[in-house]
Amino acid sequence: MHRIFICAGFAALTVWSQVSAAAQPHPGRLLASNCFQCHGTDGRKGFEELAGKSSSSIYEEMKEMQTKAADKNIMNAHARGFSDNEIWLIADYFSKVSR
């Protein structure tokens, strides 16, 4: 009888940990929320479709925008506000959103 409770406890713990892991949002989603106004929450609206683009492509575009001198483009200002790691997280998030 004692073994049944132990086995049931382990089974419940396994299921709970899988549900908990599945419920975690992508770490770049919160950062990418800054992009939602123009690119949509799914990355498929607005000025440029980001959903499904390669993460390296998005990253390189944003890094290029960071270096443009005093350009009045809103994207350049946004790009300057992120670290390299944050840009990678944003790029990875949008690359995993299906088209």
PDB file of N, CA and C in Angstrom:
ATOM      1  N   MET A   1       0.833  -1.194   0.000  1.00  0.00           N
ATOM      2  CA  MET A   1       0.000   0.000   0.000  1.00  0.00           C
ATOM      3  C   MET A   1       0.874   1.252   0.000  1.00  0.00           C
ATOM      4  N   HIS A   2       1.932   1.206   0.808  1.00  0.00           N
ATOM      5  CA  HIS A   2       2.839   2.348   0.904  1.00  0.00           C
ATOM      6  C   HIS A   2       3.495   2.632  -0.453  1.00  0.00           C
ATOM      7  N   ARG A   3       3.819   1.553  -1.207  1.00  0.00           N
ATOM      8  CA  ARG A   3       4.434   1.706  -2.529  1.00  0.00           C
ATOM      9  C   ARG A   3       3.488   2.394  -3.508  1.00  0.00           C
ATOM     10  N   ILE A   4       2.222   2.114  -3.398  1.00  0.00           N
ATOM     11  CA  ILE A   4       1.236   2.729  -4.295  1.00  0.00           C
ATOM     12  C   ILE A   4       1.240   4.243  -4.114  1.00  0.00           C
ATOM     13  N   PHE A   5       1.278   4.704  -2.872  1.00  0.00           N
ATOM     14  CA  PHE A   5       1.296   6.149  -2.612  1.00  0.00           C
ATOM     15  C   PHE A   5       2.592   6.789  -3.118  1.00  0.00           C
ATOM     16  N   ILE A   6       3.691   6.094  -2.959  1.00  0.00           N
ATOM     17  CA  ILE A   6       4.974   6.618  -3.443  1.00  0.00           C
ATOM     18  C   ILE A   6       4.962   6.706  -4.970  1.00  0.00           C
ATOM     19  N   CYS A   7       4.496   5.657  -5.626  1.00  0.00           N
ATOM     20  CA  CYS A   7       4.420   5.658  -7.095  1.00  0.00           C
ATOM     21  C   CYS A   7       3.465   6.737  -7.590  1.00  0.00           C
ATOM     22  N   ALA A   8       2.336   6.877  -6.929  1.00  0.00           N
ATOM     23  CA  ALA A   8       1.369   7.908  -7.315  1.00  0.00           C
ATOM     24  C   ALA A   8       1.967   9.299  -7.130  1.00  0.00           C
ATOM     25  N   GLY A   9       2.725   9.479  -6.070  1.00  0.00           N
ATOM     26  CA  GLY A   9       3.380  10.768  -5.823  1.00  0.00           C
ATOM     27  C   GLY A   9       4.387  11.105  -6.905  1.00  0.00           C
ATOM     28  N   PHE A  10       5.199  10.124  -7.294  1.00  0.00           N
ATOM     29  CA  PHE A  10       6.171  10.359  -8.369  1.00  0.00           C
ATOM     30  C   PHE A  10       5.471  10.639  -9.696  1.00  0.00           C
ATOM     31  N   ALA A  11       4.396   9.926  -9.973  1.00  0.00           N
ATOM     32  CA  ALA A  11       3.652  10.152 -11.216  1.00  0.00           C
ATOM     33  C   ALA A  11       3.067  11.564 -11.242  1.00  0.00           C
ATOM     34  N   ALA A  12       2.502  11.991 -10.128  1.00  0.00           N
ATOM     35  CA  ALA A  12       1.931  13.342 -10.052  1.00  0.00           C
ATOM     36  C   ALA A  12       3.013  14.401 -10.213  1.00  0.00           C
ATOM     37  N   LEU A  13       4.156  14.176  -9.608  1.00  0.00           N
ATOM     38  CA  LEU A  13       5.270  15.122  -9.718  1.00  0.00           C
ATOM     39  C   LEU A  13       5.760  15.222 -11.161  1.00  0.00           C
ATOM     40  N   THR A  14       5.834  14.106 -11.848  1.00  0.00           N
ATOM     41  CA  THR A  14       6.269  14.095 -13.245  1.00  0.00           C
ATOM     42  C   THR A  14       5.295  14.871 -14.118  1.00  0.00           C
ATOM     43  N   VAL A  15       4.014  14.628 -13.959  1.00  0.00           N
ATOM     44  CA  VAL A  15       2.998  15.339 -14.742  1.00  0.00           C
ATOM     45  C   VAL A  15       3.039  16.823 -14.429  1.00  0.00           C
ATOM     46  N   TRP A  16       3.139  17.194 -13.167  1.00  0.00           N
ATOM     47  CA  TRP A  16       3.165  18.604 -12.768  1.00  0.00           C
ATOM     48  C   TRP A  16       4.365  19.320 -13.371  1.00  0.00           C
ATOM     49  N   SER A  17       5.536  18.673 -13.360  1.00  0.00           N
ATOM     50  CA  SER A  17       6.735  19.326 -13.896  1.00  0.00           C
ATOM     51  C   SER A  17       6.630  19.513 -15.401  1.00  0.00           C
ATOM     52  N   GLN A  18       5.988  18.586 -16.109  1.00  0.00           N
ATOM     53  CA  GLN A  18       5.809  18.728 -17.556  1.00  0.00           C
ATOM     54  C   GLN A  18       4.825  19.846 -17.868  1.00  0.00           C
ATOM     55  N   VAL A  19       3.754  19.949 -17.113  1.00  0.00           N
ATOM     56  CA  VAL A  19       2.777  21.019 -17.310  1.00  0.00           C
ATOM     57  C   VAL A  19       3.418  22.360 -16.997  1.00  0.00           C
ATOM     58  N   SER A  20       4.183  22.419 -15.931  1.00  0.00           N
ATOM     59  CA  SER A  20       4.850  23.660 -15.544  1.00  0.00           C
ATOM     60  C   SER A  20       5.832  24.112 -16.616  1.00  0.00           C
ATOM     61  N   ALA A  21       6.593  23.190 -17.173  1.00  0.00           N
ATOM     62  CA  ALA A  21       7.564  23.539 -18.218  1.00  0.00           C
ATOM     63  C   ALA A  21       6.856  23.998 -19.481  1.00  0.00           C
ATOM     64  N   ALA A  22       5.742  23.383 -19.824  1.00  0.00           N
ATOM     65  CA  ALA A  22       5.007  23.746 -21.030  1.00  0.00           C
ATOM     66  C   ALA A  22       4.364  25.119 -20.900  1.00  0.00           C
ATOM     67  N   ALA A  23       4.068  25.544 -19.694  1.00  0.00           N
ATOM     68  CA  ALA A  23       3.382  26.813 -19.479  1.00  0.00           C
ATOM     69  C   ALA A  23       4.327  28.012 -19.513  1.00  0.00           C
ATOM     70  N   GLN A  24       5.629  27.785 -19.554  1.00  0.00           N
ATOM     71  CA  GLN A  24       6.591  28.883 -19.544  1.00  0.00           C
ATOM     72  C   GLN A  24       6.636  29.552 -20.915  1.00  0.00           C
ATOM     73  N   PRO A  25       6.435  30.866 -20.970  1.00  0.00           N
ATOM     74  CA  PRO A  25       6.527  31.554 -22.263  1.00  0.00           C
ATOM     75  C   PRO A  25       7.982  31.644 -22.719  1.00  0.00           C
ATOM     76  N   HIS A  26       8.166  31.863 -23.989  1.00  0.00           N
ATOM     77  CA  HIS A  26       9.518  32.035 -24.547  1.00  0.00           C
ATOM     78  C   HIS A  26      10.178  33.221 -23.847  1.00  0.00           C
ATOM     79  N   PRO A  27      11.448  33.125 -23.468  1.00  0.00           N
ATOM     80  CA  PRO A  27      12.105  34.222 -22.747  1.00  0.00           C
ATOM     81  C   PRO A  27      12.194  35.523 -23.539  1.00  0.00           C
ATOM     82  N   GLY A  28      12.056  35.466 -24.855  1.00  0.00           N
ATOM     83  CA  GLY A  28      12.103  36.683 -25.661  1.00  0.00           C
ATOM     84  C   GLY A  28      10.755  37.345 -25.866  1.00  0.00           C
ATOM     85  N   ARG A  29       9.674  36.689 -25.437  1.00  0.00           N
ATOM     86  CA  ARG A  29       8.330  37.230 -25.690  1.00  0.00           C
ATOM     87  C   ARG A  29       8.121  38.588 -25.031  1.00  0.00           C
ATOM     88  N   LEU A  30       8.527  38.740 -23.787  1.00  0.00           N
ATOM     89  CA  LEU A  30       8.338  40.018 -23.100  1.00  0.00           C
ATOM     90  C   LEU A  30       9.111  41.129 -23.816  1.00  0.00           C
ATOM     91  N   LEU A  31      10.331  40.854 -24.204  1.00  0.00           N
ATOM     92  CA  LEU A  31      11.114  41.844 -24.947  1.00  0.00           C
ATOM     93  C   LEU A  31      10.466  42.136 -26.296  1.00  0.00           C
ATOM     94  N   ALA A  32       9.983  41.096 -26.962  1.00  0.00           N
ATOM     95  CA  ALA A  32       9.357  41.251 -28.277  1.00  0.00           C
ATOM     96  C   ALA A  32       8.039  42.018 -28.196  1.00  0.00           C
ATOM     97  N   SER A  33       7.460  42.107 -27.012  1.00  0.00           N
ATOM     98  CA  SER A  33       6.198  42.849 -26.885  1.00  0.00           C
ATOM     99  C   SER A  33       6.378  44.316 -27.275  1.00  0.00           C
ATOM    100  N   ASN A  34       7.609  44.807 -27.227  1.00  0.00           N
ATOM    101  CA  ASN A  34       7.886  46.167 -27.703  1.00  0.00           C
ATOM    102  C   ASN A  34       7.683  46.277 -29.210  1.00  0.00           C
ATOM    103  N   CYS A  35       7.722  45.170 -29.901  1.00  0.00           N
ATOM    104  CA  CYS A  35       7.606  45.134 -31.364  1.00  0.00           C
ATOM    105  C   CYS A  35       6.157  44.942 -31.817  1.00  0.00           C
ATOM    106  N   PHE A  36       5.292  44.511 -30.911  1.00  0.00           N
ATOM    107  CA  PHE A  36       3.936  44.120 -31.276  1.00  0.00           C
ATOM    108  C   PHE A  36       3.109  45.252 -31.878  1.00  0.00           C
ATOM    109  N   GLN A  37       3.327  46.480 -31.453  1.00  0.00           N
ATOM    110  CA  GLN A  37       2.531  47.603 -31.948  1.00  0.00           C
ATOM    111  C   GLN A  37       2.640  47.729 -33.468  1.00  0.00           C
ATOM    112  N   CYS A  38       3.839  47.552 -33.986  1.00  0.00           N
ATOM    113  CA  CYS A  38       4.051  47.708 -35.433  1.00  0.00           C
ATOM    114  C   CYS A  38       4.064  46.385 -36.196  1.00  0.00           C
ATOM    115  N   HIS A  39       4.525  45.320 -35.560  1.00  0.00           N
ATOM    116  CA  HIS A  39       4.677  44.041 -36.257  1.00  0.00           C
ATOM    117  C   HIS A  39       3.607  43.024 -35.874  1.00  0.00           C
ATOM    118  N   GLY A  40       2.708  43.376 -34.963  1.00  0.00           N
ATOM    119  CA  GLY A  40       1.652  42.469 -34.534  1.00  0.00           C
ATOM    120  C   GLY A  40       2.144  41.461 -33.505  1.00  0.00           C
ATOM    121  N   THR A  41       1.237  40.944 -32.708  1.00  0.00           N
ATOM    122  CA  THR A  41       1.606  39.996 -31.654  1.00  0.00           C
ATOM    123  C   THR A  41       2.110  38.683 -32.228  1.00  0.00           C
ATOM    124  N   ASP A  42       1.734  38.401 -33.463  1.00  0.00           N
ATOM    125  CA  ASP A  42       2.188  37.168 -34.100  1.00  0.00           C
ATOM    126  C   ASP A  42       3.299  37.419 -35.117  1.00  0.00           C
ATOM    127  N   GLY A  43       3.778  38.663 -35.200  1.00  0.00           N
ATOM    128  CA  GLY A  43       4.868  38.992 -36.113  1.00  0.00           C
ATOM    129  C   GLY A  43       4.487  38.989 -37.578  1.00  0.00           C
ATOM    130  N   ARG A  44       3.175  39.046 -37.876  1.00  0.00           N
ATOM    131  CA  ARG A  44       2.721  38.951 -39.264  1.00  0.00           C
ATOM    132  C   ARG A  44       1.998  40.189 -39.767  1.00  0.00           C
ATOM    133  N   LYS A  45       2.063  41.270 -39.036  1.00  0.00           N
ATOM    134  CA  LYS A  45       1.330  42.467 -39.438  1.00  0.00           C
ATOM    135  C   LYS A  45       2.280  43.640 -39.529  1.00  0.00           C
ATOM    136  N   GLY A  46       1.781  44.714 -40.086  1.00  0.00           N
ATOM    137  CA  GLY A  46       2.537  45.955 -40.054  1.00  0.00           C
ATOM    138  C   GLY A  46       3.583  46.082 -41.129  1.00  0.00           C
ATOM    139  N   PHE A  47       4.680  46.683 -40.735  1.00  0.00           N
ATOM    140  CA  PHE A  47       5.697  47.106 -41.688  1.00  0.00           C
ATOM    141  C   PHE A  47       6.486  45.956 -42.301  1.00  0.00           C
ATOM    142  N   GLU A  48       6.877  45.010 -41.521  1.00  0.00           N
ATOM    143  CA  GLU A  48       7.653  43.876 -42.028  1.00  0.00           C
ATOM    144  C   GLU A  48       7.252  42.626 -41.266  1.00  0.00           C
ATOM    145  N   GLU A  49       7.000  41.555 -42.008  1.00  0.00           N
ATOM    146  CA  GLU A  49       6.648  40.292 -41.372  1.00  0.00           C
ATOM    147  C   GLU A  49       7.899  39.677 -40.747  1.00  0.00           C
ATOM    148  N   LEU A  50       7.826  39.389 -39.462  1.00  0.00           N
ATOM    149  CA  LEU A  50       8.964  38.817 -38.746  1.00  0.00           C
ATOM    150  C   LEU A  50       8.790  37.328 -38.461  1.00  0.00           C
ATOM    151  N   ALA A  51       7.551  36.877 -38.409  1.00  0.00           N
ATOM    152  CA  ALA A  51       7.275  35.483 -38.058  1.00  0.00           C
ATOM    153  C   ALA A  51       7.958  34.530 -39.027  1.00  0.00           C
ATOM    154  N   GLY A  52       8.707  33.599 -38.465  1.00  0.00           N
ATOM    155  CA  GLY A  52       9.335  32.570 -39.268  1.00  0.00           C
ATOM    156  C   GLY A  52      10.632  32.963 -39.957  1.00  0.00           C
ATOM    157  N   LYS A  53      11.025  34.236 -39.874  1.00  0.00           N
ATOM    158  CA  LYS A  53      12.322  34.623 -40.443  1.00  0.00           C
ATOM    159  C   LYS A  53      13.421  33.990 -39.601  1.00  0.00           C
ATOM    160  N   SER A  54      14.571  33.810 -40.181  1.00  0.00           N
ATOM    161  CA  SER A  54      15.665  33.208 -39.409  1.00  0.00           C
ATOM    162  C   SER A  54      16.103  34.168 -38.303  1.00  0.00           C
ATOM    163  N   SER A  55      16.469  33.599 -37.178  1.00  0.00           N
ATOM    164  CA  SER A  55      16.895  34.435 -36.052  1.00  0.00           C
ATOM    165  C   SER A  55      18.144  35.231 -36.414  1.00  0.00           C
ATOM    166  N   SER A  56      19.042  34.644 -37.188  1.00  0.00           N
ATOM    167  CA  SER A  56      20.261  35.367 -37.563  1.00  0.00           C
ATOM    168  C   SER A  56      19.948  36.553 -38.463  1.00  0.00           C
ATOM    169  N   SER A  57      18.958  36.414 -39.327  1.00  0.00           N
ATOM    170  CA  SER A  57      18.553  37.517 -40.203  1.00  0.00           C
ATOM    171  C   SER A  57      17.980  38.678 -39.390  1.00  0.00           C
ATOM    172  N   ILE A  58      17.092  38.368 -38.457  1.00  0.00           N
ATOM    173  CA  ILE A  58      16.496  39.408 -37.607  1.00  0.00           C
ATOM    174  C   ILE A  58      17.582  40.068 -36.762  1.00  0.00           C
ATOM    175  N   TYR A  59      18.461  39.257 -36.196  1.00  0.00           N
ATOM    176  CA  TYR A  59      19.547  39.777 -35.363  1.00  0.00           C
ATOM    177  C   TYR A  59      20.425  40.736 -36.163  1.00  0.00           C
ATOM    178  N   GLU A  60      20.853  40.325 -37.338  1.00  0.00           N
ATOM    179  CA  GLU A  60      21.738  41.163 -38.157  1.00  0.00           C
ATOM    180  C   GLU A  60      21.068  42.476 -38.543  1.00  0.00           C
ATOM    181  N   GLU A  61      19.780  42.420 -38.880  1.00  0.00           N
ATOM    182  CA  GLU A  61      19.050  43.649 -39.224  1.00  0.00           C
ATOM    183  C   GLU A  61      19.010  44.609 -38.041  1.00  0.00           C
ATOM    184  N   MET A  62      18.736  44.080 -36.858  1.00  0.00           N
ATOM    185  CA  MET A  62      18.661  44.950 -35.680  1.00  0.00           C
ATOM    186  C   MET A  62      20.031  45.509 -35.304  1.00  0.00           C
ATOM    187  N   LYS A  63      21.079  44.698 -35.443  1.00  0.00           N
ATOM    188  CA  LYS A  63      22.432  45.190 -35.155  1.00  0.00           C
ATOM    189  C   LYS A  63      22.811  46.307 -36.129  1.00  0.00           C
ATOM    190  N   GLU A  64      22.418  46.160 -37.381  1.00  0.00           N
ATOM    191  CA  GLU A  64      22.687  47.207 -38.373  1.00  0.00           C
ATOM    192  C   GLU A  64      21.946  48.491 -38.002  1.00  0.00           C
ATOM    193  N   MET A  65      20.715  48.347 -37.538  1.00  0.00           N
ATOM    194  CA  MET A  65      19.927  49.517 -37.135  1.00  0.00           C
ATOM    195  C   MET A  65      20.559  50.233 -35.942  1.00  0.00           C
ATOM    196  N   GLN A  66      21.176  49.489 -35.044  1.00  0.00           N
ATOM    197  CA  GLN A  66      21.828  50.100 -33.880  1.00  0.00           C
ATOM    198  C   GLN A  66      22.969  51.027 -34.286  1.00  0.00           C
ATOM    199  N   THR A  67      23.629  50.703 -35.361  1.00  0.00           N
ATOM    200  CA  THR A  67      24.834  51.447 -35.741  1.00  0.00           C
ATOM    201  C   THR A  67      24.574  52.628 -36.670  1.00  0.00           C
ATOM    202  N   LYS A  68      23.363  52.761 -37.186  1.00  0.00           N
ATOM    203  CA  LYS A  68      23.081  53.880 -38.083  1.00  0.00           C
ATOM    204  C   LYS A  68      23.096  55.176 -37.286  1.00  0.00           C
ATOM    205  N   ALA A  69      23.884  56.110 -37.732  1.00  0.00           N
ATOM    206  CA  ALA A  69      24.091  57.369 -37.003  1.00  0.00           C
ATOM    207  C   ALA A  69      22.904  58.307 -37.145  1.00  0.00           C
ATOM    208  N   ALA A  70      22.343  58.669 -36.040  1.00  0.00           N
ATOM    209  CA  ALA A  70      21.317  59.711 -35.928  1.00  0.00           C
ATOM    210  C   ALA A  70      20.227  59.629 -36.984  1.00  0.00           C
ATOM    211  N   ASP A  71      19.905  58.443 -37.423  1.00  0.00           N
ATOM    212  CA  ASP A  71      18.801  58.268 -38.364  1.00  0.00           C
ATOM    213  C   ASP A  71      17.501  58.442 -37.587  1.00  0.00           C
ATOM    214  N   LYS A  72      16.529  59.076 -38.195  1.00  0.00           N
ATOM    215  CA  LYS A  72      15.273  59.343 -37.484  1.00  0.00           C
ATOM    216  C   LYS A  72      14.278  58.189 -37.586  1.00  0.00           C
ATOM    217  N   ASN A  73      14.710  57.075 -38.094  1.00  0.00           N
ATOM    218  CA  ASN A  73      13.877  55.891 -38.197  1.00  0.00           C
ATOM    219  C   ASN A  73      13.595  55.353 -36.788  1.00  0.00           C
ATOM    220  N   ILE A  74      12.346  55.076 -36.490  1.00  0.00           N
ATOM    221  CA  ILE A  74      11.957  54.614 -35.150  1.00  0.00           C
ATOM    222  C   ILE A  74      12.621  53.279 -34.798  1.00  0.00           C
ATOM    223  N   MET A  75      12.849  52.440 -35.796  1.00  0.00           N
ATOM    224  CA  MET A  75      13.484  51.148 -35.525  1.00  0.00           C
ATOM    225  C   MET A  75      14.918  51.321 -35.032  1.00  0.00           C
ATOM    226  N   ASN A  76      15.608  52.307 -35.524  1.00  0.00           N
ATOM    227  CA  ASN A  76      16.984  52.529 -35.063  1.00  0.00           C
ATOM    228  C   ASN A  76      16.991  52.893 -33.582  1.00  0.00           C
ATOM    229  N   ALA A  77      16.053  53.727 -33.181  1.00  0.00           N
ATOM    230  CA  ALA A  77      15.955  54.102 -31.767  1.00  0.00           C
ATOM    231  C   ALA A  77      15.604  52.886 -30.908  1.00  0.00           C
ATOM    232  N   HIS A  78      14.669  52.068 -31.376  1.00  0.00           N
ATOM    233  CA  HIS A  78      14.297  50.861 -30.624  1.00  0.00           C
ATOM    234  C   HIS A  78      15.482  49.905 -30.515  1.00  0.00           C
ATOM    235  N   ALA A  79      16.170  49.685 -31.616  1.00  0.00           N
ATOM    236  CA  ALA A  79      17.293  48.740 -31.623  1.00  0.00           C
ATOM    237  C   ALA A  79      18.391  49.168 -30.654  1.00  0.00           C
ATOM    238  N   ARG A  80      18.622  50.457 -30.549  1.00  0.00           N
ATOM    239  CA  ARG A  80      19.668  50.947 -29.635  1.00  0.00           C
ATOM    240  C   ARG A  80      19.339  50.663 -28.171  1.00  0.00           C
ATOM    241  N   GLY A  81      18.090  50.432 -27.872  1.00  0.00           N
ATOM    242  CA  GLY A  81      17.675  50.193 -26.492  1.00  0.00           C
ATOM    243  C   GLY A  81      17.890  48.769 -26.002  1.00  0.00           C
ATOM    244  N   PHE A  82      18.350  47.879 -26.876  1.00  0.00           N
ATOM    245  CA  PHE A  82      18.515  46.472 -26.503  1.00  0.00           C
ATOM    246  C   PHE A  82      19.982  46.057 -26.508  1.00  0.00           C
ATOM    247  N   SER A  83      20.325  45.165 -25.589  1.00  0.00           N
ATOM    248  CA  SER A  83      21.670  44.573 -25.568  1.00  0.00           C
ATOM    249  C   SER A  83      21.742  43.490 -26.647  1.00  0.00           C
ATOM    250  N   ASP A  84      22.942  43.001 -26.919  1.00  0.00           N
ATOM    251  CA  ASP A  84      23.105  41.914 -27.892  1.00  0.00           C
ATOM    252  C   ASP A  84      22.286  40.693 -27.493  1.00  0.00           C
ATOM    253  N   ASN A  85      22.334  40.335 -26.214  1.00  0.00           N
ATOM    254  CA  ASN A  85      21.592  39.174 -25.736  1.00  0.00           C
ATOM    255  C   ASN A  85      20.085  39.377 -25.906  1.00  0.00           C
ATOM    256  N   GLU A  86      19.595  40.559 -25.606  1.00  0.00           N
ATOM    257  CA  GLU A  86      18.162  40.834 -25.759  1.00  0.00           C
ATOM    258  C   GLU A  86      17.747  40.759 -27.227  1.00  0.00           C
ATOM    259  N   ILE A  87      18.600  41.239 -28.112  1.00  0.00           N
ATOM    260  CA  ILE A  87      18.290  41.151 -29.545  1.00  0.00           C
ATOM    261  C   ILE A  87      18.224  39.690 -29.977  1.00  0.00           C
ATOM    262  N   TRP A  88      19.140  38.860 -29.477  1.00  0.00           N
ATOM    263  CA  TRP A  88      19.091  37.432 -29.805  1.00  0.00           C
ATOM    264  C   TRP A  88      17.795  36.801 -29.303  1.00  0.00           C
ATOM    265  N   LEU A  89      17.363  37.168 -28.110  1.00  0.00           N
ATOM    266  CA  LEU A  89      16.116  36.610 -27.568  1.00  0.00           C
ATOM    267  C   LEU A  89      14.915  37.022 -28.410  1.00  0.00           C
ATOM    268  N   ILE A  90      14.870  38.284 -28.815  1.00  0.00           N
ATOM    269  CA  ILE A  90      13.777  38.769 -29.665  1.00  0.00           C
ATOM    270  C   ILE A  90      13.802  38.042 -31.006  1.00  0.00           C
ATOM    271  N   ALA A  91      14.975  37.955 -31.610  1.00  0.00           N
ATOM    272  CA  ALA A  91      15.117  37.293 -32.909  1.00  0.00           C
ATOM    273  C   ALA A  91      14.705  35.828 -32.819  1.00  0.00           C
ATOM    274  N   ASP A  92      15.117  35.160 -31.751  1.00  0.00           N
ATOM    275  CA  ASP A  92      14.760  33.756 -31.567  1.00  0.00           C
ATOM    276  C   ASP A  92      13.255  33.598 -31.378  1.00  0.00           C
ATOM    277  N   TYR A  93      12.649  34.502 -30.626  1.00  0.00           N
ATOM    278  CA  TYR A  93      11.199  34.437 -30.417  1.00  0.00           C
ATOM    279  C   TYR A  93      10.460  34.510 -31.755  1.00  0.00           C
ATOM    280  N   PHE A  94      10.742  35.538 -32.554  1.00  0.00           N
ATOM    281  CA  PHE A  94      10.024  35.702 -33.821  1.00  0.00           C
ATOM    282  C   PHE A  94      10.349  34.583 -34.810  1.00  0.00           C
ATOM    283  N   SER A  95      11.543  34.032 -34.758  1.00  0.00           N
ATOM    284  CA  SER A  95      11.884  32.943 -35.680  1.00  0.00           C
ATOM    285  C   SER A  95      11.084  31.679 -35.379  1.00  0.00           C
ATOM    286  N   LYS A  96      10.604  31.558 -34.154  1.00  0.00           N
ATOM    287  CA  LYS A  96       9.847  30.366 -33.760  1.00  0.00           C
ATOM    288  C   LYS A  96       8.336  30.543 -33.886  1.00  0.00           C
ATOM    289  N   VAL A  97       7.892  31.756 -34.228  1.00  0.00           N
ATOM    290  CA  VAL A  97       6.466  31.991 -34.455  1.00  0.00           C
ATOM    291  C   VAL A  97       6.163  31.497 -35.861  1.00  0.00           C
ATOM    292  N   SER A  98       5.178  30.619 -35.999  1.00  0.00           N
ATOM    293  CA  SER A  98       4.889  30.054 -37.324  1.00  0.00           C
ATOM    294  C   SER A  98       4.201  31.076 -38.220  1.00  0.00           C
ATOM    295  N   ARG A  99       4.481  30.952 -39.498  1.00  0.00           N
ATOM    296  CA  ARG A  99       3.907  31.877 -40.496  1.00  0.00           C
ATOM    297  C   ARG A  99       2.478  31.578 -40.759  1.00  0.00           C
TER     298      ARG A  99
END
